[in-house]
Amino acid sequence: MTLMQEVITIALCALATMTTRFLPFLVFRANKKTPRYVQYLGKALPAAIFGMLVVYCLKNVSVSAGSHGLPELFAITLVVVLHLWKRNMLISIAGGTVFYMLLVQAVF
């Protein structure tokens, strides 16, 4: 890439980032009520995205080979237990991730 191409790429990335950050404030003014479908999306999308992440993370797990999916099963169980106990998404995700990495590196 030439220097000019790099500058254009960085400028476009900055513009796209600023647009996605500022556009909701311009479209949905503070003095107007937020549309019901936007409120619905705000409630439904987080769970849907996490569901997609779970499917994506488990799509290549083979229960008939290697560790038979045990590290994944143990990590998922820990995530569920931590989340039911603490009700904190950061603790749940970080705890499950660290536990999974330890299992894969040290045990399986």
C-alpha atoms as a PDB file:
ATOM      1  CA  MET A   1       0.000   0.000   0.000  1.00  0.00           C
ATOM      2  CA  THR A   2       1.148   3.466  -0.759  1.00  0.00           C
ATOM      3  CA  LEU A   3       1.100   6.178   1.866  1.00  0.00           C
ATOM      4  CA  MET A   4      -1.929   7.810   0.222  1.00  0.00           C
ATOM      5  CA  GLN A   5      -3.846   4.497   0.266  1.00  0.00           C
ATOM      6  CA  GLU A   6      -3.024   4.059   3.947  1.00  0.00           C
ATOM      7  CA  VAL A   7      -4.228   7.581   4.752  1.00  0.00           C
ATOM      8  CA  ILE A   8      -7.464   7.018   2.805  1.00  0.00           C
ATOM      9  CA  THR A   9      -8.032   3.661   4.531  1.00  0.00           C
ATOM     10  CA  ILE A  10      -7.521   5.136   7.992  1.00  0.00           C
ATOM     11  CA  ALA A  11      -9.758   8.110   7.162  1.00  0.00           C
ATOM     12  CA  LEU A  12     -12.543   5.839   5.903  1.00  0.00           C
ATOM     13  CA  CYS A  13     -12.291   3.626   8.993  1.00  0.00           C
ATOM     14  CA  ALA A  14     -12.467   6.691  11.251  1.00  0.00           C
ATOM     15  CA  LEU A  15     -15.441   8.049   9.296  1.00  0.00           C
ATOM     16  CA  ALA A  16     -17.287   4.723   9.459  1.00  0.00           C
ATOM     17  CA  THR A  17     -16.633   4.435  13.187  1.00  0.00           C
ATOM     18  CA  MET A  18     -17.799   7.982  13.906  1.00  0.00           C
ATOM     19  CA  THR A  19     -20.886   7.514  11.731  1.00  0.00           C
ATOM     20  CA  THR A  20     -21.968   4.381  13.579  1.00  0.00           C
ATOM     21  CA  ARG A  21     -21.374   6.113  16.920  1.00  0.00           C
ATOM     22  CA  PHE A  22     -23.107   9.423  16.173  1.00  0.00           C
ATOM     23  CA  LEU A  23     -25.917   8.371  13.829  1.00  0.00           C
ATOM     24  CA  PRO A  24     -28.208   6.940  16.545  1.00  0.00           C
ATOM     25  CA  PHE A  25     -28.063  10.244  18.423  1.00  0.00           C
ATOM     26  CA  LEU A  26     -29.033  12.121  15.267  1.00  0.00           C
ATOM     27  CA  VAL A  27     -31.807   9.714  14.242  1.00  0.00           C
ATOM     28  CA  PHE A  28     -33.327   9.194  17.701  1.00  0.00           C
ATOM     29  CA  ARG A  29     -33.524  12.595  19.340  1.00  0.00           C
ATOM     30  CA  ALA A  30     -33.771  12.918  23.121  1.00  0.00           C
ATOM     31  CA  ASN A  31     -37.088  14.759  22.960  1.00  0.00           C
ATOM     32  CA  LYS A  32     -38.783  11.972  20.970  1.00  0.00           C
ATOM     33  CA  LYS A  33     -39.793   8.528  22.163  1.00  0.00           C
ATOM     34  CA  THR A  34     -37.655   5.646  20.882  1.00  0.00           C
ATOM     35  CA  PRO A  35     -39.619   3.445  18.461  1.00  0.00           C
ATOM     36  CA  ARG A  36     -40.893   0.153  19.842  1.00  0.00           C
ATOM     37  CA  TYR A  37     -38.979  -1.960  17.313  1.00  0.00           C
ATOM     38  CA  VAL A  38     -35.696  -0.333  18.373  1.00  0.00           C
ATOM     39  CA  GLN A  39     -36.537  -1.043  22.025  1.00  0.00           C
ATOM     40  CA  TYR A  40     -37.341  -4.650  21.065  1.00  0.00           C
ATOM     41  CA  LEU A  41     -34.036  -5.020  19.217  1.00  0.00           C
ATOM     42  CA  GLY A  42     -32.212  -3.640  22.254  1.00  0.00           C
ATOM     43  CA  LYS A  43     -33.737  -6.411  24.356  1.00  0.00           C
ATOM     44  CA  ALA A  44     -33.608  -9.292  21.870  1.00  0.00           C
ATOM     45  CA  LEU A  45     -30.283  -8.872  20.083  1.00  0.00           C
ATOM     46  CA  PRO A  46     -27.874  -9.383  23.006  1.00  0.00           C
ATOM     47  CA  ALA A  47     -29.258 -12.855  23.730  1.00  0.00           C
ATOM     48  CA  ALA A  48     -29.371 -13.708  20.019  1.00  0.00           C
ATOM     49  CA  ILE A  49     -25.759 -12.657  19.532  1.00  0.00           C
ATOM     50  CA  PHE A  50     -24.576 -14.727  22.484  1.00  0.00           C
ATOM     51  CA  GLY A  51     -26.543 -17.677  21.124  1.00  0.00           C
ATOM     52  CA  MET A  52     -24.764 -17.273  17.796  1.00  0.00           C
ATOM     53  CA  LEU A  53     -21.400 -17.092  19.568  1.00  0.00           C
ATOM     54  CA  VAL A  54     -22.120 -20.346  21.403  1.00  0.00           C
ATOM     55  CA  VAL A  55     -23.048 -22.075  18.143  1.00  0.00           C
ATOM     56  CA  TYR A  56     -19.949 -20.663  16.434  1.00  0.00           C
ATOM     57  CA  CYS A  57     -17.656 -21.781  19.261  1.00  0.00           C
ATOM     58  CA  LEU A  58     -19.078 -25.309  19.353  1.00  0.00           C
ATOM     59  CA  LYS A  59     -19.465 -25.935  15.616  1.00  0.00           C
ATOM     60  CA  ASN A  60     -16.181 -27.848  15.250  1.00  0.00           C
ATOM     61  CA  VAL A  61     -16.325 -29.786  18.515  1.00  0.00           C
ATOM     62  CA  SER A  62     -16.203 -33.514  17.833  1.00  0.00           C
ATOM     63  CA  VAL A  63     -17.601 -35.816  20.503  1.00  0.00           C
ATOM     64  CA  SER A  64     -16.176 -38.858  18.722  1.00  0.00           C
ATOM     65  CA  ALA A  65     -12.518 -37.802  18.597  1.00  0.00           C
ATOM     66  CA  GLY A  66      -9.801 -36.418  20.816  1.00  0.00           C
ATOM     67  CA  SER A  67     -11.032 -35.126  24.140  1.00  0.00           C
ATOM     68  CA  HIS A  68     -14.665 -35.874  23.152  1.00  0.00           C
ATOM     69  CA  GLY A  69     -15.705 -32.272  23.835  1.00  0.00           C
ATOM     70  CA  LEU A  70     -15.085 -32.554  27.575  1.00  0.00           C
ATOM     71  CA  PRO A  71     -13.151 -29.266  27.964  1.00  0.00           C
ATOM     72  CA  GLU A  72     -15.956 -27.425  26.212  1.00  0.00           C
ATOM     73  CA  LEU A  73     -18.604 -29.139  28.328  1.00  0.00           C
ATOM     74  CA  PHE A  74     -16.759 -28.365  31.575  1.00  0.00           C
ATOM     75  CA  ALA A  75     -16.184 -24.723  30.553  1.00  0.00           C
ATOM     76  CA  ILE A  76     -19.828 -24.239  29.558  1.00  0.00           C
ATOM     77  CA  THR A  77     -20.931 -25.745  32.865  1.00  0.00           C
ATOM     78  CA  LEU A  78     -18.643 -23.364  34.750  1.00  0.00           C
ATOM     79  CA  VAL A  79     -19.962 -20.377  32.769  1.00  0.00           C
ATOM     80  CA  VAL A  80     -23.556 -21.301  33.625  1.00  0.00           C
ATOM     81  CA  VAL A  81     -22.730 -21.868  37.317  1.00  0.00           C
ATOM     82  CA  LEU A  82     -20.782 -18.602  37.575  1.00  0.00           C
ATOM     83  CA  HIS A  83     -23.533 -16.665  35.867  1.00  0.00           C
ATOM     84  CA  LEU A  84     -26.275 -18.119  38.059  1.00  0.00           C
ATOM     85  CA  TRP A  85     -24.162 -17.430  41.139  1.00  0.00           C
ATOM     86  CA  LYS A  86     -22.799 -13.934  40.419  1.00  0.00           C
ATOM     87  CA  ARG A  87     -25.126 -12.623  37.656  1.00  0.00           C
ATOM     88  CA  ASN A  88     -22.115 -10.885  36.114  1.00  0.00           C
ATOM     89  CA  MET A  89     -21.430 -11.486  32.439  1.00  0.00           C
ATOM     90  CA  LEU A  90     -17.781 -10.415  32.645  1.00  0.00           C
ATOM     91  CA  ILE A  91     -17.017 -12.877  35.442  1.00  0.00           C
ATOM     92  CA  SER A  92     -18.887 -15.649  33.652  1.00  0.00           C
ATOM     93  CA  ILE A  93     -17.146 -15.189  30.310  1.00  0.00           C
ATOM     94  CA  ALA A  94     -13.681 -14.545  31.741  1.00  0.00           C
ATOM     95  CA  GLY A  95     -13.936 -17.433  34.195  1.00  0.00           C
ATOM     96  CA  GLY A  96     -15.098 -19.861  31.515  1.00  0.00           C
ATOM     97  CA  THR A  97     -12.431 -18.730  29.079  1.00  0.00           C
ATOM     98  CA  VAL A  98      -9.578 -19.006  31.577  1.00  0.00           C
ATOM     99  CA  PHE A  99     -10.847 -22.387  32.776  1.00  0.00           C
ATOM    100  CA  TYR A 100     -11.122 -23.677  29.195  1.00  0.00           C
ATOM    101  CA  MET A 101      -7.602 -22.492  28.344  1.00  0.00           C
ATOM    102  CA  LEU A 102      -6.210 -24.169  31.453  1.00  0.00           C
ATOM    103  CA  LEU A 103      -8.009 -27.403  30.620  1.00  0.00           C
ATOM    104  CA  VAL A 104      -6.807 -27.448  27.036  1.00  0.00           C
ATOM    105  CA  GLN A 105      -3.213 -26.534  27.876  1.00  0.00           C
ATOM    106  CA  ALA A 106      -2.698 -28.565  31.038  1.00  0.00           C
ATOM    107  CA  VAL A 107      -5.118 -31.504  31.078  1.00  0.00           C
ATOM    108  CA  PHE A 108      -6.388 -32.474  27.646  1.00  0.00           C
END
